[in-house]
Protein backbone atom coordinates (compact mmCIF):
# COMPACT_ATOMS: atom_id res chain seq x y z
CA UNK A 1 18.74 -20.29 4.96
CA UNK A 2 15.57 -20.27 7.53
CA UNK A 3 12.41 -17.59 6.94
CA UNK A 4 10.14 -16.52 9.71
CA UNK A 5 7.44 -14.45 8.53
CA UNK A 6 4.34 -13.17 10.37
CA UNK A 7 2.06 -11.16 8.28
CA UNK A 8 -1.06 -10.31 10.21
CA UNK A 9 -4.21 -8.38 7.79
CA UNK A 10 -7.18 -6.68 8.35
CA UNK A 11 -9.44 -7.18 6.32
CA UNK A 12 -12.95 -4.22 5.79
CA UNK A 13 -15.02 -5.96 2.52
CA UNK A 14 -18.10 -4.90 1.59
CA UNK A 15 -19.84 -1.95 0.57
CA UNK A 16 -18.81 1.41 2.16
CA UNK A 17 -16.13 -0.26 4.25
CA UNK A 18 -13.73 2.49 3.09
CA UNK A 19 -15.87 5.33 5.25
CA UNK A 20 -14.47 3.52 8.43
CA UNK A 21 -11.04 2.79 8.07
CA UNK A 22 -9.66 6.44 9.86
CA UNK A 23 -11.94 3.76 13.21
CA UNK A 24 -8.87 1.51 12.78
CA UNK A 25 -5.60 1.97 14.81
CA UNK A 26 -3.05 3.18 11.95
CA UNK A 27 0.62 1.73 12.73
CA UNK A 28 1.63 5.79 12.65
CA UNK A 29 1.22 9.23 12.40
CA UNK A 30 2.50 9.28 9.17
CA UNK A 31 2.05 7.58 5.72
CA UNK A 32 3.12 7.56 2.40
CA UNK A 33 0.23 6.68 -0.06
CA UNK A 34 1.55 4.57 -2.94
CA UNK A 35 -0.43 5.50 -6.17
CA UNK A 36 0.40 4.59 -10.09
CA UNK A 37 1.45 6.91 -12.31
CA UNK A 38 -2.35 6.86 -14.46
CA UNK A 39 -4.89 8.54 -13.97
CA UNK A 40 -7.76 6.07 -12.88
CA UNK A 41 -7.05 6.41 -8.94
CA UNK A 42 -7.52 10.01 -8.96
CA UNK A 43 -10.83 10.44 -11.15
CA UNK A 44 -12.04 7.70 -9.49
CA UNK A 45 -12.25 9.79 -6.16
CA UNK A 46 -10.56 6.18 -4.72
CA UNK A 47 -7.07 8.59 -3.75
CA UNK A 48 -9.93 11.56 -2.73
CA UNK A 49 -11.41 8.89 -0.48
CA UNK A 50 -8.17 7.27 1.65
CA UNK A 51 -6.46 10.49 1.73
CA UNK A 52 -9.63 11.85 3.48
CA UNK A 53 -10.18 8.64 5.67
CA UNK A 54 -5.98 9.05 6.86
CA UNK A 55 -7.09 12.54 7.66
CA UNK A 56 -9.70 11.74 10.18
CA UNK A 57 -7.40 9.07 11.72
CA UNK A 58 -5.48 12.20 12.28
CA UNK A 59 -2.75 10.34 10.03
CA UNK A 60 -0.08 13.00 7.89
CA UNK A 61 0.16 11.70 4.42
CA UNK A 62 2.78 12.16 1.20
CA UNK A 63 1.82 10.79 -1.92
CA UNK A 64 4.17 8.17 -4.05
CA UNK A 65 2.30 8.21 -7.84
CA UNK A 66 5.29 7.23 -10.37
CA UNK A 67 4.60 3.10 -10.18
CA UNK A 68 4.05 2.12 -13.84
CA UNK A 69 3.37 -1.04 -14.92
CA UNK A 70 6.42 -3.68 -13.87
CA UNK A 71 8.09 -1.08 -12.17
CA UNK A 72 11.82 -1.07 -12.45
CA UNK A 73 14.10 -0.88 -9.82
CA UNK A 74 14.98 2.48 -9.88
CA UNK A 75 11.27 3.59 -9.11
CA UNK A 76 10.63 0.81 -6.38
CA UNK A 77 13.97 2.61 -4.97
CA UNK A 78 13.50 5.68 -4.95
CA UNK A 79 9.87 5.19 -3.11
CA UNK A 80 11.45 3.55 -0.28
CA UNK A 81 13.96 6.72 0.24
CA UNK A 82 11.25 8.88 -0.49
CA UNK A 83 9.43 7.22 2.57
CA UNK A 84 12.50 7.50 4.59
CA UNK A 85 13.53 10.93 3.71
CA UNK A 86 9.93 12.24 5.04
CA UNK A 87 9.88 10.30 7.70
CA UNK A 88 7.26 7.74 6.70
CA UNK A 89 5.75 5.34 9.87
CA UNK A 90 4.05 3.10 7.03
CA UNK A 91 2.83 3.03 3.58
CA UNK A 92 -0.51 2.45 2.13
CA UNK A 93 -1.28 0.78 -1.13
CA UNK A 94 -4.04 1.99 -3.68
CA UNK A 95 -3.98 0.42 -6.67
CA UNK A 96 -3.84 -3.42 -8.65
CA UNK A 97 -0.80 -5.63 -8.34
CA UNK A 98 2.05 -3.42 -9.84
CA UNK A 99 1.02 -1.27 -6.99
CA UNK A 100 0.74 -4.10 -4.16
CA UNK A 101 4.11 -4.96 -4.95
CA UNK A 102 6.14 -2.40 -5.61
CA UNK A 103 4.97 -0.87 -1.45
CA UNK A 104 5.90 -3.79 -0.15
CA UNK A 105 9.40 -3.67 -1.50
CA UNK A 106 9.44 0.16 -0.68
CA UNK A 107 8.12 -0.76 2.85
CA UNK A 108 11.20 -3.47 3.27
CA UNK A 109 13.84 -0.96 1.92
CA UNK A 110 13.29 2.23 3.30
CA UNK A 111 15.32 1.89 6.20
CA UNK A 112 17.83 -0.76 4.79
CA UNK A 113 21.05 0.87 4.05
CA UNK A 114 22.36 -0.18 0.29
CA UNK A 115 21.46 -0.65 -3.00
CA UNK A 116 17.82 -2.98 -3.24
CA UNK A 117 20.03 -6.30 -4.96
CA UNK A 118 21.76 -6.48 -1.69
CA UNK A 119 18.91 -7.91 -0.22
CA UNK A 120 17.64 -9.99 -3.48
CA UNK A 121 18.24 -13.83 -3.32
CA UNK A 122 19.18 -15.71 -6.53
CA UNK A 123 21.84 -15.64 -8.59
CA UNK A 124 23.09 -11.59 -9.31
CA UNK A 125 21.34 -10.79 -5.86
CA UNK A 126 23.48 -10.54 -2.55
CA UNK A 127 21.34 -11.98 -0.49
CA UNK A 128 22.27 -10.15 2.61
CA UNK A 129 19.11 -9.98 6.10
CA UNK A 130 17.82 -6.86 6.23
CA UNK A 131 19.47 -4.55 8.93
CA UNK A 132 16.33 -2.16 10.18
CA UNK A 133 13.11 -3.26 10.33
CA UNK A 134 10.20 -2.94 7.75
CA UNK A 135 7.84 -0.17 7.73
CA UNK A 136 4.10 -1.01 8.13
CA UNK A 137 1.99 -1.81 5.09
CA UNK A 138 -1.40 -1.36 4.35
CA UNK A 139 -3.27 -2.26 0.99
CA UNK A 140 -6.09 -1.15 -0.88
CA UNK A 141 -6.46 -3.67 -3.66
CA UNK A 142 -8.76 -1.89 -6.17
CA UNK A 143 -10.58 -5.78 -6.94
CA UNK A 144 -11.86 -5.82 -3.58
CA UNK A 145 -13.24 -1.98 -4.07
CA UNK A 146 -14.96 -3.90 -7.66
CA UNK A 147 -16.40 -6.80 -5.41
CA UNK A 148 -17.94 -4.45 -2.65
CA UNK A 149 -19.19 -2.37 -5.84
CA UNK A 150 -20.71 -5.63 -7.87
CA UNK A 151 -21.79 -7.13 -4.53
CA UNK A 152 -23.83 -3.60 -3.54
CA UNK A 153 -25.27 -3.39 -7.30
CA UNK A 154 -26.49 -7.01 -6.94
CA UNK A 155 -28.23 -6.96 -3.58
CA UNK A 156 -30.13 -3.67 -4.45
CA UNK A 157 -31.21 -5.42 -8.08
CA UNK A 158 -32.16 -8.25 -5.88
CA UNK A 159 -33.60 -5.94 -2.89
CA UNK A 160 -32.13 -8.55 -0.48
CA UNK A 161 -32.19 -7.48 2.97
CA UNK A 162 -29.25 -7.80 4.91
């Protein structure tokens, strides 16, 4: 088996950087935003802020909010089919590890035929090569948001000038 993987990633880090999301080059005109089935992303305002930034960037969005802890194959497949059905060009993941992992697989699976297990290596998977390209994916990890908020508070307490 051979493997060639190229995954360029742009990271905007620091207090207030989410407000610059709309200035970034987007990989398409329609995005599926993936969040968990919980409440924190909505209640914190992070979802509204990301949706606002995508709108400012001229990107239409649809929301997939069914990812739970340890996402099931059925939910990941549903997300992939949802992205394809709605003509999404890329996937934006907003949340923790389960959301990040599920969104990556949804982006991979969205344009592939057959069952998700067709593409899984290992004893139970069929390890078929991908037939079609994958959707682009962008991740807004809540750990980076929390880290930026903590750094901002520390800088304010220390009265640093940067």
